Protein backbone atom coordinates (compact mmCIF):
# COMPACT_ATOMS: atom_id res chain seq x y z
CA MET A 1 -0.04 -0.01 -0.03
CA ASN A 2 1.38 3.51 -0.91
CA ARG A 3 1.27 5.80 1.76
CA MET A 4 1.80 9.52 1.83
CA PRO A 5 5.41 10.79 2.50
CA VAL A 6 6.03 12.18 5.77
CA LEU A 7 8.39 14.95 6.53
CA ILE A 8 10.18 14.80 10.06
CA VAL A 9 11.21 18.28 11.36
CA GLY A 10 13.94 17.54 13.69
CA THR A 11 16.99 14.83 14.01
CA GLY A 12 16.97 14.39 17.88
CA ALA A 13 15.75 11.39 19.81
CA LEU A 14 12.07 11.64 19.08
CA GLY A 15 12.87 12.72 15.41
CA THR A 16 14.98 9.59 14.78
CA LEU A 17 12.43 7.18 16.64
CA PHE A 18 9.60 8.34 14.43
CA ALA A 19 11.53 8.44 11.45
CA ALA A 20 12.87 4.99 11.85
CA ARG A 21 9.40 3.40 12.93
CA LEU A 22 7.55 5.06 9.93
CA ALA A 23 10.45 4.19 7.53
CA GLY A 24 10.36 0.44 8.79
CA ALA A 25 6.67 0.39 7.95
CA GLY A 26 7.27 1.43 4.38
CA VAL A 27 6.42 4.92 4.84
CA PRO A 28 8.61 7.44 2.60
CA VAL A 29 10.17 9.55 5.06
CA THR A 30 12.54 12.73 4.88
CA MET A 31 14.23 14.50 7.86
CA LEU A 32 14.65 18.13 7.84
CA GLY A 33 17.47 19.39 10.27
CA SER A 34 20.28 21.60 10.98
CA TRP A 35 22.76 19.42 12.92
CA PRO A 36 25.49 18.63 10.53
CA GLU A 37 26.53 15.39 12.48
CA GLY A 38 23.19 14.18 12.41
CA LEU A 39 22.50 14.97 8.78
CA GLN A 40 25.82 13.17 7.89
CA ALA A 41 25.01 10.13 9.56
CA LEU A 42 21.61 9.95 8.06
CA ARG A 43 23.31 10.24 4.64
CA GLU A 44 25.64 7.60 5.36
CA THR A 45 23.77 5.08 7.47
CA GLY A 46 20.11 6.04 7.06
CA VAL A 47 18.18 6.33 10.37
CA ARG A 48 19.01 3.58 12.84
CA LEU A 49 16.96 2.22 15.78
CA SER A 50 18.31 0.20 18.68
CA GLY A 51 15.77 -2.35 19.68
CA ALA A 52 14.93 -3.95 22.98
CA ASP A 53 16.93 -7.13 21.81
CA GLY A 54 20.19 -4.88 21.04
CA VAL A 55 19.74 -5.28 17.51
CA ILE A 56 20.28 -2.08 15.44
CA ARG A 57 18.09 -1.95 12.27
CA GLN A 58 18.42 0.95 9.71
CA TYR A 59 16.31 2.33 7.05
CA PRO A 60 16.98 4.92 4.26
CA VAL A 61 15.53 8.27 4.53
CA GLY A 62 15.60 11.49 2.56
CA VAL A 63 17.73 14.42 4.11
CA ALA A 64 16.87 17.78 3.90
CA GLU A 65 19.20 20.58 4.91
CA GLY A 66 16.57 23.27 4.11
CA PRO A 67 13.01 23.92 2.77
CA THR A 68 14.03 23.79 -0.91
CA ASP A 69 15.07 20.15 -0.38
CA CYS A 70 11.51 19.14 0.75
CA ALA A 71 9.18 21.44 -1.03
CA GLY A 72 5.65 20.39 -1.52
CA ALA A 73 5.47 18.17 1.82
CA ARG A 74 1.94 17.56 2.56
CA LEU A 75 2.39 15.88 6.17
CA ALA A 76 5.03 17.06 8.50
CA LEU A 77 5.53 16.01 12.21
CA VAL A 78 7.33 18.77 14.21
CA LEU A 79 9.82 17.27 16.77
CA VAL A 80 12.38 20.01 17.34
CA LYS A 81 13.15 21.57 20.69
CA THR A 82 10.70 24.48 21.70
CA TRP A 83 13.65 27.18 21.13
CA GLN A 84 13.80 25.79 17.62
CA THR A 85 10.12 26.14 16.89
CA GLU A 86 10.26 29.64 15.24
CA GLN A 87 12.91 28.47 12.84
CA ALA A 88 10.93 25.34 12.09
CA ALA A 89 7.85 27.35 11.28
CA GLN A 90 9.81 29.62 9.09
CA GLN A 91 11.15 26.49 7.04
CA LEU A 92 7.54 24.90 6.89
CA GLU A 93 6.12 28.22 5.64
CA GLU A 94 8.31 27.72 2.45
CA CYS A 95 7.99 23.89 2.03
CA LEU A 96 4.70 22.94 3.40
CA SER A 97 1.88 22.57 0.61
CA GLU A 98 -1.06 24.67 0.61
CA ASP A 99 -3.18 21.65 1.51
CA GLY A 100 -0.59 20.15 4.17
CA LEU A 101 -0.63 19.88 7.72
CA ALA A 102 1.99 20.29 10.33
CA VAL A 103 1.53 18.42 13.69
CA THR A 104 3.64 19.25 16.74
CA LEU A 105 4.18 16.77 19.20
CA GLN A 106 6.79 18.64 21.04
CA ASN A 107 7.18 19.56 24.90
CA GLY A 108 6.03 22.64 26.63
CA LEU A 109 3.67 25.52 25.76
CA GLY A 110 3.54 28.00 22.93
CA ASN A 111 4.60 25.66 19.94
CA ILE A 112 1.24 25.55 18.16
CA GLU A 113 0.66 29.18 18.43
CA ILE A 114 4.06 29.86 16.69
CA LEU A 115 3.23 27.42 13.91
CA ALA A 116 -0.30 28.75 13.19
CA HIS A 117 1.06 32.18 13.10
CA HIS A 118 3.26 30.99 10.13
CA LEU A 119 0.90 28.42 8.55
CA GLY A 120 -2.54 29.21 9.48
CA SER A 121 -4.77 27.17 11.90
CA GLU A 122 -5.98 25.17 8.73
CA ARG A 123 -2.29 23.90 8.35
CA THR A 124 -1.55 23.04 12.06
CA ALA A 125 -2.68 20.52 14.61
CA LEU A 126 -1.71 20.07 18.28
CA GLY A 127 -0.58 16.81 19.37
CA VAL A 128 1.03 15.14 22.42
CA THR A 129 3.17 11.98 22.97
CA THR A 130 4.18 10.18 25.96
CA THR A 131 6.65 7.88 23.97
CA GLY A 132 10.10 8.47 24.97
CA ALA A 133 13.51 7.95 23.07
CA THR A 134 17.15 8.24 23.73
CA LEU A 135 19.68 9.63 21.33
CA LEU A 136 22.57 7.28 21.32
CA SER A 137 24.76 8.89 18.58
CA PRO A 138 23.81 10.94 15.41
CA GLY A 139 21.01 9.22 13.63
CA LEU A 140 20.75 6.46 16.14
CA ALA A 141 17.98 6.32 18.94
CA ARG A 142 16.73 3.81 21.47
CA ALA A 143 12.99 3.57 22.31
CA GLY A 144 12.50 4.56 25.99
CA GLY A 145 9.06 3.24 26.72
CA GLU A 146 5.89 2.86 24.59
CA GLY A 147 3.31 5.64 24.95
CA VAL A 148 0.30 7.13 23.22
CA VAL A 149 0.26 9.67 20.17
CA SER A 150 -2.74 12.03 20.66
CA ILE A 151 -3.66 14.53 18.15
CA GLU A 152 -6.46 16.70 17.87
CA GLU A 153 -9.15 16.03 15.17
CA HIS A 154 -8.38 17.64 11.92
CA PRO A 155 -9.84 17.12 8.48
CA ARG A 156 -6.39 16.46 6.83
CA LEU A 157 -5.18 14.04 9.56
CA GLY A 158 -6.30 10.71 8.08
CA PRO A 159 -3.02 9.69 5.94
CA LEU A 160 -0.91 10.53 8.98
CA THR A 161 -2.84 8.49 11.45
CA GLU A 162 -3.01 5.65 8.99
CA ALA A 163 0.99 5.98 8.69
CA LEU A 164 1.60 6.26 12.36
CA ARG A 165 -0.63 3.09 13.13
CA ALA A 166 1.15 1.34 10.25
CA ALA A 167 4.32 1.90 12.37
CA SER A 168 2.63 0.54 15.49
CA PHE A 169 2.38 3.79 17.25
CA ASN A 170 -0.81 3.95 19.58
CA VAL A 171 -2.65 6.91 17.97
CA ASP A 172 -5.58 8.53 19.59
CA ALA A 173 -7.73 11.48 17.75
CA VAL A 174 -8.92 13.68 20.33
CA ALA A 175 -11.43 16.73 20.11
CA ASP A 176 -9.16 19.18 22.45
CA ALA A 177 -5.69 18.56 22.85
CA ARG A 178 -5.21 21.32 25.48
CA ALA A 179 -5.83 19.34 28.40
CA LEU A 180 -3.41 16.77 27.17
CA THR A 181 -0.69 19.31 26.61
CA TRP A 182 -0.82 20.63 30.03
CA GLY A 183 -0.93 17.02 31.35
CA LYS A 184 2.15 16.57 29.61
CA LEU A 185 3.53 19.71 30.83
CA VAL A 186 2.85 18.76 34.36
CA ILE A 187 4.62 15.41 33.93
CA ASN A 188 7.58 16.97 32.28
CA ALA A 189 7.93 19.55 35.00
CA ALA A 190 7.95 16.90 37.57
CA ILE A 191 10.29 14.56 35.92
CA ASN A 192 12.91 16.58 33.30
CA PRO A 193 14.46 19.23 35.55
CA LEU A 194 15.14 16.62 38.44
CA THR A 195 16.73 14.12 36.11
CA ALA A 196 18.87 16.68 34.23
CA LEU A 197 20.13 18.14 37.49
CA LEU A 198 20.72 14.60 39.15
CA ARG A 199 21.98 13.11 35.95
CA VAL A 200 19.82 9.87 36.44
CA PRO A 201 17.31 8.08 34.50
CA ASN A 202 13.58 8.57 35.06
CA GLY A 203 13.09 5.65 37.22
CA GLU A 204 15.90 6.65 39.65
CA LEU A 205 13.56 9.51 40.87
CA LEU A 206 11.33 6.85 42.56
CA GLU A 207 14.29 5.44 44.35
CA ARG A 208 15.32 8.55 46.23
CA PRO A 209 12.94 9.78 48.78
CA GLU A 210 13.86 13.40 48.50
CA ALA A 211 13.79 13.48 44.58
CA ARG A 212 10.48 11.58 44.81
CA ALA A 213 8.98 14.45 47.23
CA LEU A 214 10.32 17.20 44.94
CA MET A 215 8.85 15.30 41.89
CA GLY A 216 5.38 15.68 43.58
CA ALA A 217 5.78 18.97 44.61
CA LEU A 218 6.58 20.02 40.94
CA ALA A 219 3.67 18.11 39.81
CA HIS A 220 1.05 19.63 42.17
CA GLU A 221 2.16 23.25 41.62
CA ALA A 222 1.76 22.69 37.71
CA ALA A 223 -1.56 20.93 38.05
CA ALA A 224 -2.67 24.02 40.40
CA VAL A 225 -1.63 26.48 37.52
CA ALA A 226 -3.55 24.21 34.97
CA SER A 227 -6.71 24.36 36.97
CA ALA A 228 -6.32 28.23 37.24
CA VAL A 229 -6.14 28.71 33.47
CA GLY A 230 -9.31 26.41 33.12
CA VAL A 231 -7.83 23.38 32.00
CA GLY A 232 -9.22 20.08 33.31
CA LEU A 233 -6.44 17.37 33.56
CA HIS A 234 -7.05 13.82 32.65
CA PHE A 235 -5.65 12.39 35.93
CA ASP A 236 -6.74 13.34 39.74
CA ASP A 237 -3.71 12.77 41.25
CA PRO A 238 -0.77 14.81 39.40
CA ALA A 239 2.07 13.15 41.68
CA ARG A 240 0.95 9.62 41.05
CA ALA A 241 0.65 10.28 37.32
CA ALA A 242 4.21 11.59 37.27
CA GLU A 243 5.34 8.51 39.26
CA ASP A 244 3.55 6.31 36.86
CA VAL A 245 5.29 7.84 33.83
CA ALA A 246 8.77 7.67 35.61
CA ARG A 247 7.89 3.96 36.37
CA ARG A 248 6.92 3.05 32.79
CA THR A 249 9.95 4.92 31.34
CA ALA A 250 12.43 3.88 34.13
CA GLY A 251 15.45 3.44 31.96
CA ASN A 252 14.88 6.29 29.73
CA HIS A 253 17.05 9.52 30.05
CA SER A 254 14.69 12.62 29.71
CA SER A 255 15.16 14.96 26.94
CA MET A 256 16.40 17.53 29.29
CA TYR A 257 18.91 15.24 30.87
CA GLN A 258 20.13 14.47 27.18
CA ASP A 259 20.36 18.07 26.50
CA ILE A 260 22.56 18.76 29.60
CA GLN A 261 24.69 16.02 28.66
CA ARG A 262 25.44 17.39 25.35
CA GLY A 263 25.80 21.02 26.55
CA ALA A 264 22.86 22.04 24.43
CA PRO A 265 20.05 24.52 25.32
CA THR A 266 17.15 23.00 27.31
CA GLU A 267 13.40 23.47 27.16
CA ILE A 268 13.19 24.53 30.69
CA ASP A 269 11.64 27.94 29.66
CA ALA A 270 8.81 26.37 27.90
CA ILE A 271 8.26 23.90 30.93
CA CYS A 272 8.94 24.93 34.39
CA GLY A 273 9.16 28.46 33.01
CA ALA A 274 5.89 28.39 31.48
CA VAL A 275 4.19 27.06 34.57
CA CYS A 276 5.82 30.00 36.62
CA ALA A 277 4.68 32.49 34.06
CA HIS A 278 0.92 31.38 33.96
CA GLY A 279 1.15 31.06 37.79
CA GLY A 280 2.23 34.55 38.11
CA GLN A 281 -0.60 35.72 35.87
CA THR A 282 -3.17 33.69 37.83
CA GLY A 283 -1.93 34.37 41.32
CA VAL A 284 -0.73 30.65 41.84
CA ALA A 285 2.77 30.18 43.91
CA THR A 286 5.23 28.11 42.16
CA PRO A 287 8.42 28.13 44.17
CA VAL A 288 9.44 24.65 43.36
CA ASN A 289 9.15 25.03 39.65
CA TRP A 290 10.64 28.61 39.93
CA THR A 291 13.76 26.80 41.77
CA MET A 292 14.13 24.04 39.08
CA TRP A 293 13.76 26.71 36.25
CA GLN A 294 16.73 28.77 37.42
CA LEU A 295 18.95 25.84 38.49
CA VAL A 296 18.64 24.18 35.19
CA LYS A 297 19.42 27.82 33.52
CA ALA A 298 22.43 28.04 35.80
CA VAL A 299 23.76 24.75 34.82
CA VAL A 300 23.57 25.43 31.17
CA GLY A 301 24.17 29.07 31.24
CA GLN A 302 20.96 29.60 29.43
CA GLY A 303 19.74 33.19 29.62
CA GLN A 304 19.31 35.67 32.33
CA PRO A 305 17.95 34.87 35.84
CA VAL A 306 14.27 35.71 36.51
CA ARG A 307 12.98 37.18 39.77
CA MET A 308 10.68 34.97 41.62
CA PRO A 309 7.23 36.45 42.04
CA ALA A 310 6.32 37.98 45.28
């Protein structure tokens, strides 16, 4: 069965995972990125995925350094870091077809707004995934726990849903992805900064009482902010929800931990920073998220410190 080609925007851990599984299912895949080492590896060996059995499987993919290399794309998955979303949106503005659809599965808040600003709401859709991945080397990823890909309903979504299901992803079309986005923000705020600062895999947080307590505090603060902005979460106990994810992805290194290992910018502004920003607007105190926000920024020298709201 011929499937519509998919453009993967991003060559990091999740981009590599999605590209490999789609290509392995026979879906034509092109990867658009700006990381020279990643692009070179993709050209030389294709995209590679290390399975649970330790076997590395590789699949050929198209490689694009800029929008002219992938002009006319009709389906795009945006999997870059939040600080790269503006550039990705500008590239898609040039290469996405008029009847195309770009779906963001990124962490944090604000990505869909940037994409819609450049592409229009009719060519964008908000999604969330709890699937994890670790980048082992350029072009090589290891899955970090099977999750769900939830995407808001859209009239152009059908071919992408079919492709993802063919690649054995658990796909769910939802009427409103905002609650899921905030739910993932709660989980990310609870897990990512702690694993990055402690340099441990997700499951290790459950083995350290102090870390587990901090994880719960981070989750409860973020959930309180979600409630204040009128978002109903899909779980009742945010701390337990965070612990469940940490348990399911115990061996995975969070994306923020991977960023710090590489000395790369993190998504802390769009995660704990976003929690604090919305908390400040709604009068919800977020001291633990603020502390994690500033600590991660201090570790990587990322931007200027921000005063904690009174």
